[in-house]
């Protein structure tokens, strides 16, 4: 499972995580993605990073389905703390509460956190 906790811009973590996810899927790995804390902002629709001269890579998440990556989990509390809902996201996800997210993580062989 790849865990995304960082905002989409300001550091390289979010973009690096997405690249690692795509590479893992290209090698037929069973990939799950989790978005927690500011990581939920990576999926927010309507991002405009022009003012900070960064590329908006959020639309790239729409390509995940083409790599058979369908297990995307977003923590409900992280969404709510940022005034967001699943309607604000660029891709369909499974919204889970903090306890369910913990259970999902406990069931993983490997967790990589970005």
Foldseek 3Di string as FASTA:
>chain_A
DEEEADAPDDDCVLVVSVVVQLVCLVVVDQDAYEYAANSQNLFFPPDDCVVVPDDNCNLVVVCVVVSVHDHYEYEPVNQVVVVHDQVRGPDDYHYDHPVVVVVVVVPDPDYHYD
